[in-house]
Amino acid sequence: MSLGAATVEETATAPLSPSPSPSPSSSEMRVPAEVDWHMLDKSRFFFLGAALFSGVSAALYPIVVLKTRQQVSSSNLSCFKMSFSIMRHEGLCGFYRGFGTSLMGTIPARALYMGALEVTKSSIGSVTVRLGFSDTTALAMANAAAGLSSAMAAQLVWTPVDVVSQRLMVDKRDRYRNGIDVFRKILYSDGLRGLYRGFGISILTYAPSNAVWWTSYSVVSRLLWSCLDRGASEDPSDRGCRPASRRPSAALAIQGLSAAAASGVSAAITMPLDTVKTRLQVMDGVVEEDGRRRAMTSFQTVRSLIREGGLRACYRGLGPRWASMAMSSTTMVTTYEFLKKLSVKDQDIFSFMTTSRK
């Protein structure tokens, strides 16, 4: 999930269960009760969120480094060979280059992401249900809109952080002392525009990626809950037992499977854009005839990639990216649901627990 956030991926990405208020027609499906935006203690939500997701980011950061190294490499090294090379020449620290800078930017970026995601999801979800759309359609529309808005909000902070941290990730010749040094040198050579290199393509990458992820996640999650409850109701041995939707293990499994499936769809669709974005942010550019260095355009970057390895070159790092997105989103979705339950206002706890047991 980025939670990118983010993604969710590098920004990682901080997933949550999408759910506009269910209509009576869907009451037969025992989907767990949802914690809405108005039920949250906002200060507790953002404070605990910063702590929890910082830990998750630290655990997943090496995969992001591996993906970035593969994307900027001119040769087609496998994940194993790239990992071995980093460990051999740089040690364990090589997998955490730029982590401090990334962490400092992750906290405000994730706060923007979570706020925009929850507010948009709650607002659009309520509107679409009132307009008479089916639950599934309303769910997909609300989450697509939430994915777009949250990605755009987070990129205002994340793009400069991404540019700096990725420079550190691929710095093998120790040209930079730390994140501040990278920041200063970029400002000196390219100005503020240098820190927002790749901003447009970041939006084109992460906004559709988030929209695809959230839509896929909501549809797959709802489908799995439907199948689980249908299977339980048809199994004589389950009669009188606790409904599947009330079992924590079932919720955890469905969240994980839905997140992994959504990550695969999103990674496959947006991988070429992510590779071009990474190269734009990391590469120094081209030297013109007058000796001045100029940043490469998106078209020049694509042409360079095609020359190096054809269309396949645009998918370098797909394995680590898919793994990163799947691991990140699975971890984030369970962490996020836990965070939301911890952040419920005291006066809403009783009503939420009562609704959860219906």
Protein backbone atom coordinates (compact mmCIF):
# COMPACT_ATOMS: atom_id res chain seq x y z
CA MET A 1 0.00 0.00 0.00
CA SER A 2 3.77 2.00 -2.09
CA LEU A 3 0.25 2.34 1.97
CA GLY A 4 3.62 4.95 -1.55
CA ALA A 5 2.01 4.80 0.82
CA ALA A 6 2.56 4.03 -0.43
CA THR A 7 1.44 2.54 -1.54
CA VAL A 8 -0.02 1.37 0.31
CA GLU A 9 2.95 0.41 -2.17
CA GLU A 10 5.86 2.75 -1.35
CA THR A 11 3.41 5.12 -0.05
CA ALA A 12 2.40 2.56 0.64
CA THR A 13 -0.52 2.13 0.83
CA ALA A 14 -2.78 1.91 3.87
CA PRO A 15 -5.78 -0.21 2.93
CA LEU A 16 -9.03 -0.51 4.80
CA SER A 17 -12.26 -2.39 4.30
CA PRO A 18 -14.54 -0.39 2.02
CA SER A 19 -18.19 -0.28 2.86
CA PRO A 20 -20.93 2.21 2.24
CA SER A 21 -23.79 1.57 4.61
CA PRO A 22 -25.46 -1.69 3.58
CA SER A 23 -29.02 -1.58 2.40
CA PRO A 24 -31.66 -3.94 3.71
CA SER A 25 -31.40 -5.99 0.53
CA SER A 26 -27.88 -7.01 1.47
CA SER A 27 -28.61 -7.90 5.09
CA GLU A 28 -28.37 -11.58 4.34
CA MET A 29 -24.63 -11.24 3.77
CA ARG A 30 -23.02 -11.09 7.20
CA VAL A 31 -20.16 -8.70 6.40
CA PRO A 32 -18.50 -7.35 9.59
CA ALA A 33 -19.67 -3.94 10.81
CA GLU A 34 -17.60 -1.01 9.56
CA VAL A 35 -15.98 1.77 11.59
CA ASP A 36 -16.91 5.00 9.81
CA TRP A 37 -14.99 8.29 9.77
CA HIS A 38 -17.35 10.05 12.22
CA MET A 39 -16.81 7.29 14.80
CA LEU A 40 -13.04 7.84 15.05
CA ASP A 41 -11.06 9.81 17.62
CA LYS A 42 -8.95 11.66 15.03
CA SER A 43 -5.95 12.48 17.25
CA ARG A 44 -5.70 8.87 18.45
CA PHE A 45 -6.23 7.63 14.89
CA PHE A 46 -3.35 9.64 13.39
CA PHE A 47 -0.95 9.19 16.34
CA LEU A 48 -1.36 5.41 16.55
CA GLY A 49 -1.38 5.22 12.74
CA ALA A 50 2.01 6.94 12.51
CA ALA A 51 3.52 4.48 15.01
CA LEU A 52 1.99 1.32 13.55
CA PHE A 53 2.71 2.10 9.90
CA SER A 54 6.27 3.24 10.60
CA GLY A 55 6.97 -0.26 11.89
CA VAL A 56 5.34 -1.84 8.86
CA SER A 57 7.34 0.41 6.51
CA ALA A 58 10.59 -0.61 8.20
CA ALA A 59 9.80 -4.30 7.72
CA LEU A 60 8.96 -3.91 4.01
CA TYR A 61 11.55 -1.31 3.00
CA PRO A 62 14.19 -3.78 1.69
CA ILE A 63 11.76 -5.00 -0.98
CA VAL A 64 11.24 -1.41 -2.15
CA VAL A 65 15.02 -0.94 -2.43
CA LEU A 66 15.31 -4.16 -4.44
CA LYS A 67 12.52 -3.09 -6.80
CA THR A 68 14.08 0.36 -7.33
CA ARG A 69 17.53 -1.08 -8.04
CA GLN A 70 16.07 -3.43 -10.63
CA GLN A 71 14.16 -0.65 -12.36
CA VAL A 72 17.20 1.58 -12.86
CA SER A 73 19.59 -1.24 -13.75
CA SER A 74 20.63 -1.46 -17.40
CA SER A 75 20.92 -5.24 -17.12
CA ASN A 76 18.22 -7.78 -16.35
CA LEU A 77 19.39 -9.14 -12.97
CA SER A 78 17.14 -11.53 -11.06
CA CYS A 79 15.90 -10.69 -7.56
CA PHE A 80 18.25 -13.27 -6.06
CA LYS A 81 21.33 -11.95 -7.86
CA MET A 82 20.45 -8.35 -7.01
CA SER A 83 19.93 -9.22 -3.34
CA PHE A 84 23.20 -11.14 -3.22
CA SER A 85 25.05 -8.22 -4.82
CA ILE A 86 23.64 -5.72 -2.32
CA MET A 87 24.47 -7.95 0.65
CA ARG A 88 27.96 -8.70 -0.62
CA HIS A 89 29.04 -5.16 -1.42
CA GLU A 90 26.98 -3.06 1.00
CA GLY A 91 25.84 -5.40 3.74
CA LEU A 92 22.45 -5.21 5.45
CA CYS A 93 22.63 -1.41 5.51
CA GLY A 94 22.36 -1.44 1.71
CA PHE A 95 18.75 -2.57 2.03
CA TYR A 96 17.94 0.47 4.17
CA ARG A 97 19.52 3.27 2.14
CA GLY A 98 17.30 6.34 2.37
CA PHE A 99 15.02 4.83 5.00
CA GLY A 100 15.34 7.79 7.41
CA THR A 101 14.29 10.24 4.71
CA SER A 102 11.48 7.95 3.58
CA LEU A 103 10.19 7.55 7.14
CA MET A 104 10.11 11.32 7.77
CA GLY A 105 8.01 11.81 4.66
CA THR A 106 5.84 8.76 5.19
CA ILE A 107 4.18 10.10 8.33
CA PRO A 108 2.64 13.31 6.86
CA ALA A 109 2.00 11.60 3.50
CA ARG A 110 0.16 8.75 5.18
CA ALA A 111 -1.85 11.16 7.32
CA LEU A 112 -3.02 12.92 4.14
CA TYR A 113 -3.69 9.57 2.49
CA MET A 114 -5.77 8.17 5.35
CA GLY A 115 -7.73 11.39 5.84
CA ALA A 116 -8.60 11.80 2.16
CA LEU A 117 -9.39 8.09 1.84
CA GLU A 118 -11.81 7.95 4.76
CA VAL A 119 -13.57 11.25 4.03
CA THR A 120 -14.05 10.49 0.32
CA LYS A 121 -15.12 6.89 0.92
CA SER A 122 -17.68 7.89 3.53
CA SER A 123 -19.08 10.78 1.47
CA ILE A 124 -19.27 9.05 -1.91
CA GLY A 125 -20.53 5.82 -0.34
CA SER A 126 -23.48 7.58 1.30
CA VAL A 127 -24.35 9.52 -1.86
CA THR A 128 -24.26 6.48 -4.16
CA VAL A 129 -26.44 4.42 -1.82
CA ARG A 130 -29.00 7.26 -1.60
CA LEU A 131 -29.02 7.50 -5.40
CA GLY A 132 -30.23 3.90 -5.54
CA PHE A 133 -27.11 2.07 -6.76
CA SER A 134 -26.69 -1.52 -5.67
CA ASP A 135 -24.35 -2.19 -2.76
CA THR A 136 -21.67 -3.70 -5.00
CA THR A 137 -21.76 -0.80 -7.47
CA ALA A 138 -21.82 1.80 -4.70
CA LEU A 139 -18.90 0.04 -3.03
CA ALA A 140 -16.83 0.03 -6.22
CA MET A 141 -17.59 3.68 -7.02
CA ALA A 142 -16.83 4.88 -3.48
CA ASN A 143 -13.52 3.05 -3.35
CA ALA A 144 -12.42 4.10 -6.83
CA ALA A 145 -13.05 7.75 -5.92
CA ALA A 146 -11.35 7.32 -2.53
CA GLY A 147 -8.31 5.73 -4.17
CA LEU A 148 -7.96 8.61 -6.63
CA SER A 149 -8.31 11.38 -4.05
CA SER A 150 -6.03 9.79 -1.45
CA ALA A 151 -3.26 9.13 -3.98
CA MET A 152 -3.35 12.70 -5.28
CA ALA A 153 -3.27 14.15 -1.75
CA ALA A 154 -0.36 11.95 -0.63
CA GLN A 155 1.75 12.70 -3.72
CA LEU A 156 2.02 16.37 -2.73
CA VAL A 157 4.30 15.22 0.09
CA TRP A 158 5.51 11.88 -1.20
CA THR A 159 6.98 12.91 -4.58
CA PRO A 160 9.82 15.04 -3.10
CA VAL A 161 10.48 12.35 -0.47
CA ASP A 162 10.43 9.69 -3.18
CA VAL A 163 12.94 11.61 -5.31
CA VAL A 164 15.36 12.03 -2.38
CA SER A 165 15.03 8.52 -0.90
CA GLN A 166 15.34 6.79 -4.28
CA ARG A 167 18.53 8.73 -5.03
CA LEU A 168 19.93 7.33 -1.79
CA MET A 169 18.70 3.80 -2.62
CA VAL A 170 20.73 3.62 -5.83
CA ASP A 171 23.75 5.65 -4.66
CA LYS A 172 26.61 3.15 -4.93
CA ARG A 173 29.42 5.70 -5.17
CA ASP A 174 28.59 7.62 -1.99
CA ARG A 175 27.86 10.86 -3.81
CA TYR A 176 25.43 11.86 -1.06
CA ARG A 177 26.04 12.04 2.69
CA ASN A 178 22.38 11.90 3.71
CA GLY A 179 18.88 12.95 2.72
CA ILE A 180 19.54 16.62 3.51
CA ASP A 181 22.56 16.58 1.20
CA VAL A 182 20.46 15.10 -1.62
CA PHE A 183 17.74 17.69 -1.00
CA ARG A 184 20.26 20.56 -1.10
CA LYS A 185 21.99 19.34 -4.27
CA ILE A 186 18.72 18.83 -6.13
CA LEU A 187 17.53 22.32 -5.17
CA TYR A 188 20.86 23.80 -6.27
CA SER A 189 20.95 22.07 -9.66
CA ASP A 190 17.25 21.91 -10.61
CA GLY A 191 15.37 24.09 -8.15
CA LEU A 192 12.02 23.16 -6.64
CA ARG A 193 11.06 21.60 -9.96
CA GLY A 194 13.75 18.95 -9.42
CA LEU A 195 12.06 17.76 -6.23
CA TYR A 196 8.82 17.28 -8.12
CA ARG A 197 10.38 15.44 -11.02
CA GLY A 198 7.98 12.73 -12.09
CA PHE A 199 5.04 14.30 -10.20
CA GLY A 200 2.74 14.09 -13.22
CA ILE A 201 3.58 10.48 -13.96
CA SER A 202 3.37 9.67 -10.23
CA ILE A 203 -0.23 10.85 -10.29
CA LEU A 204 -0.81 8.85 -13.48
CA THR A 205 0.73 5.81 -11.78
CA TYR A 206 -0.63 5.91 -8.25
CA ALA A 207 -4.08 7.44 -8.82
CA PRO A 208 -5.20 4.70 -11.27
CA SER A 209 -3.28 2.12 -9.23
CA ASN A 210 -5.16 3.10 -6.08
CA ALA A 211 -8.48 3.22 -7.90
CA VAL A 212 -7.87 -0.24 -9.42
CA TRP A 213 -6.65 -1.61 -6.08
CA TRP A 214 -9.62 -0.37 -4.07
CA THR A 215 -12.17 -1.42 -6.67
CA SER A 216 -10.62 -4.89 -6.98
CA TYR A 217 -10.30 -5.23 -3.22
CA SER A 218 -13.94 -4.32 -2.54
CA VAL A 219 -15.30 -6.64 -5.24
CA VAL A 220 -13.08 -9.62 -4.29
CA SER A 221 -13.73 -9.10 -0.58
CA ARG A 222 -17.48 -8.98 -1.05
CA LEU A 223 -17.37 -12.05 -3.31
CA LEU A 224 -15.36 -14.05 -0.76
CA TRP A 225 -17.70 -13.10 2.09
CA SER A 226 -20.67 -14.14 -0.02
CA CYS A 227 -19.08 -17.51 -0.84
CA LEU A 228 -18.06 -18.10 2.77
CA ASP A 229 -21.49 -17.37 4.20
CA ARG A 230 -23.22 -19.38 1.47
CA GLY A 231 -20.94 -22.36 2.14
CA ALA A 232 -21.52 -22.12 5.88
CA SER A 233 -25.30 -21.98 5.49
CA GLU A 234 -25.28 -25.09 3.26
CA ASP A 235 -23.07 -27.13 5.60
CA PRO A 236 -25.23 -29.01 8.16
CA SER A 237 -22.31 -29.22 10.57
CA ASP A 238 -22.20 -25.40 10.78
CA ARG A 239 -25.81 -25.00 11.90
CA GLY A 240 -26.01 -23.21 15.19
CA CYS A 241 -22.35 -22.29 15.03
CA ARG A 242 -20.92 -18.80 15.09
CA PRO A 243 -21.50 -17.06 11.71
CA ALA A 244 -18.40 -16.89 9.52
CA SER A 245 -18.43 -13.11 9.46
CA ARG A 246 -17.96 -13.02 13.26
CA ARG A 247 -14.84 -15.16 13.22
CA PRO A 248 -11.63 -13.09 13.44
CA SER A 249 -9.69 -15.77 11.56
CA ALA A 250 -12.15 -15.62 8.64
CA ALA A 251 -11.93 -11.82 8.46
CA LEU A 252 -8.12 -11.98 8.51
CA ALA A 253 -7.99 -14.59 5.74
CA ILE A 254 -10.43 -12.72 3.50
CA GLN A 255 -8.63 -9.41 3.98
CA GLY A 256 -5.32 -11.05 3.05
CA LEU A 257 -6.64 -12.87 -0.04
CA SER A 258 -8.49 -9.79 -1.26
CA ALA A 259 -5.43 -7.59 -0.79
CA ALA A 260 -3.13 -10.02 -2.62
CA ALA A 261 -5.53 -10.35 -5.56
CA ALA A 262 -6.02 -6.58 -5.80
CA SER A 263 -2.24 -6.03 -5.67
CA GLY A 264 -1.66 -8.43 -8.55
CA VAL A 265 -4.20 -6.67 -10.77
CA SER A 266 -2.91 -3.21 -9.88
CA ALA A 267 0.79 -4.10 -10.28
CA ALA A 268 0.30 -5.71 -13.69
CA ILE A 269 -1.66 -2.75 -15.06
CA THR A 270 0.52 0.09 -13.78
CA MET A 271 4.03 -1.45 -13.83
CA PRO A 272 5.29 0.31 -17.03
CA LEU A 273 4.27 3.70 -15.65
CA ASP A 274 5.98 2.98 -12.33
CA THR A 275 9.22 2.00 -14.09
CA VAL A 276 9.23 5.19 -16.17
CA LYS A 277 8.45 7.26 -13.05
CA THR A 278 11.32 5.70 -11.09
CA ARG A 279 13.80 6.32 -13.92
CA LEU A 280 12.68 9.93 -14.28
CA GLN A 281 13.21 10.52 -10.57
CA VAL A 282 16.55 8.72 -10.29
CA MET A 283 18.42 9.28 -13.55
CA ASP A 284 20.50 12.46 -13.85
CA GLY A 285 19.21 13.24 -17.34
CA VAL A 286 21.01 13.91 -20.61
CA VAL A 287 23.86 16.28 -21.46
CA GLU A 288 23.13 18.68 -24.31
CA GLU A 289 25.65 20.02 -26.84
CA ASP A 290 26.30 23.15 -24.78
CA GLY A 291 27.29 20.97 -21.80
CA ARG A 292 24.18 21.67 -19.76
CA ARG A 293 22.34 18.77 -18.19
CA ARG A 294 18.63 18.47 -18.94
CA ALA A 295 16.12 16.12 -17.34
CA MET A 296 14.88 13.36 -19.62
CA THR A 297 11.30 13.51 -20.78
CA SER A 298 8.88 10.63 -20.31
CA PHE A 299 9.11 9.84 -24.03
CA GLN A 300 12.92 9.71 -23.93
CA THR A 301 12.79 7.45 -20.88
CA VAL A 302 10.40 5.03 -22.58
CA ARG A 303 12.55 5.01 -25.72
CA SER A 304 15.66 4.28 -23.63
CA LEU A 305 13.90 1.39 -21.89
CA ILE A 306 12.73 -0.11 -25.19
CA ARG A 307 16.27 0.09 -26.59
CA GLU A 308 17.64 -1.72 -23.55
CA GLY A 309 15.26 -4.66 -23.53
CA GLY A 310 12.07 -4.07 -25.46
CA LEU A 311 8.68 -4.02 -23.75
CA ARG A 312 9.98 -6.53 -21.21
CA ALA A 313 12.28 -3.85 -19.80
CA CYS A 314 9.23 -1.87 -18.71
CA TYR A 315 8.31 -4.77 -16.42
CA ARG A 316 11.66 -5.05 -14.63
CA GLY A 317 11.02 -5.31 -10.92
CA LEU A 318 7.46 -6.63 -11.39
CA GLY A 319 8.14 -9.57 -9.07
CA PRO A 320 9.42 -7.45 -6.16
CA ARG A 321 6.73 -4.83 -6.79
CA TRP A 322 3.95 -7.41 -6.73
CA ALA A 323 5.46 -9.03 -3.62
CA SER A 324 5.90 -5.62 -2.00
CA MET A 325 2.35 -4.54 -2.80
CA ALA A 326 0.86 -7.88 -1.70
CA MET A 327 2.82 -8.02 1.55
CA SER A 328 2.35 -4.33 2.24
CA SER A 329 -1.37 -4.24 1.50
CA THR A 330 -2.06 -7.46 3.40
CA THR A 331 -0.16 -6.16 6.41
CA MET A 332 -1.63 -2.69 6.07
CA VAL A 333 -5.23 -3.81 5.74
CA THR A 334 -5.11 -5.87 8.93
CA THR A 335 -3.14 -3.16 10.75
CA TYR A 336 -5.55 -0.50 9.53
CA GLU A 337 -8.63 -2.36 10.71
CA PHE A 338 -6.96 -2.90 14.08
CA LEU A 339 -6.05 0.80 14.20
CA LYS A 340 -9.62 1.87 13.45
CA LYS A 341 -11.02 -0.31 16.22
CA LEU A 342 -8.47 1.15 18.65
CA SER A 343 -9.44 4.67 17.56
CA VAL A 344 -13.23 4.39 18.00
CA LYS A 345 -14.58 7.18 20.20
CA ASP A 346 -15.60 6.00 23.66
CA GLN A 347 -19.26 6.88 23.10
CA ASP A 348 -19.33 4.82 19.88
CA ILE A 349 -17.75 1.65 21.26
CA PHE A 350 -20.98 0.22 22.65
CA SER A 351 -23.01 0.90 19.49
CA PHE A 352 -20.23 -0.50 17.28
CA MET A 353 -19.88 -3.69 19.33
CA THR A 354 -23.66 -4.12 19.32
CA THR A 355 -23.80 -3.71 15.52
CA SER A 356 -20.89 -6.14 15.09
CA ARG A 357 -22.83 -8.88 16.87
CA LYS A 358 -25.98 -8.61 14.80
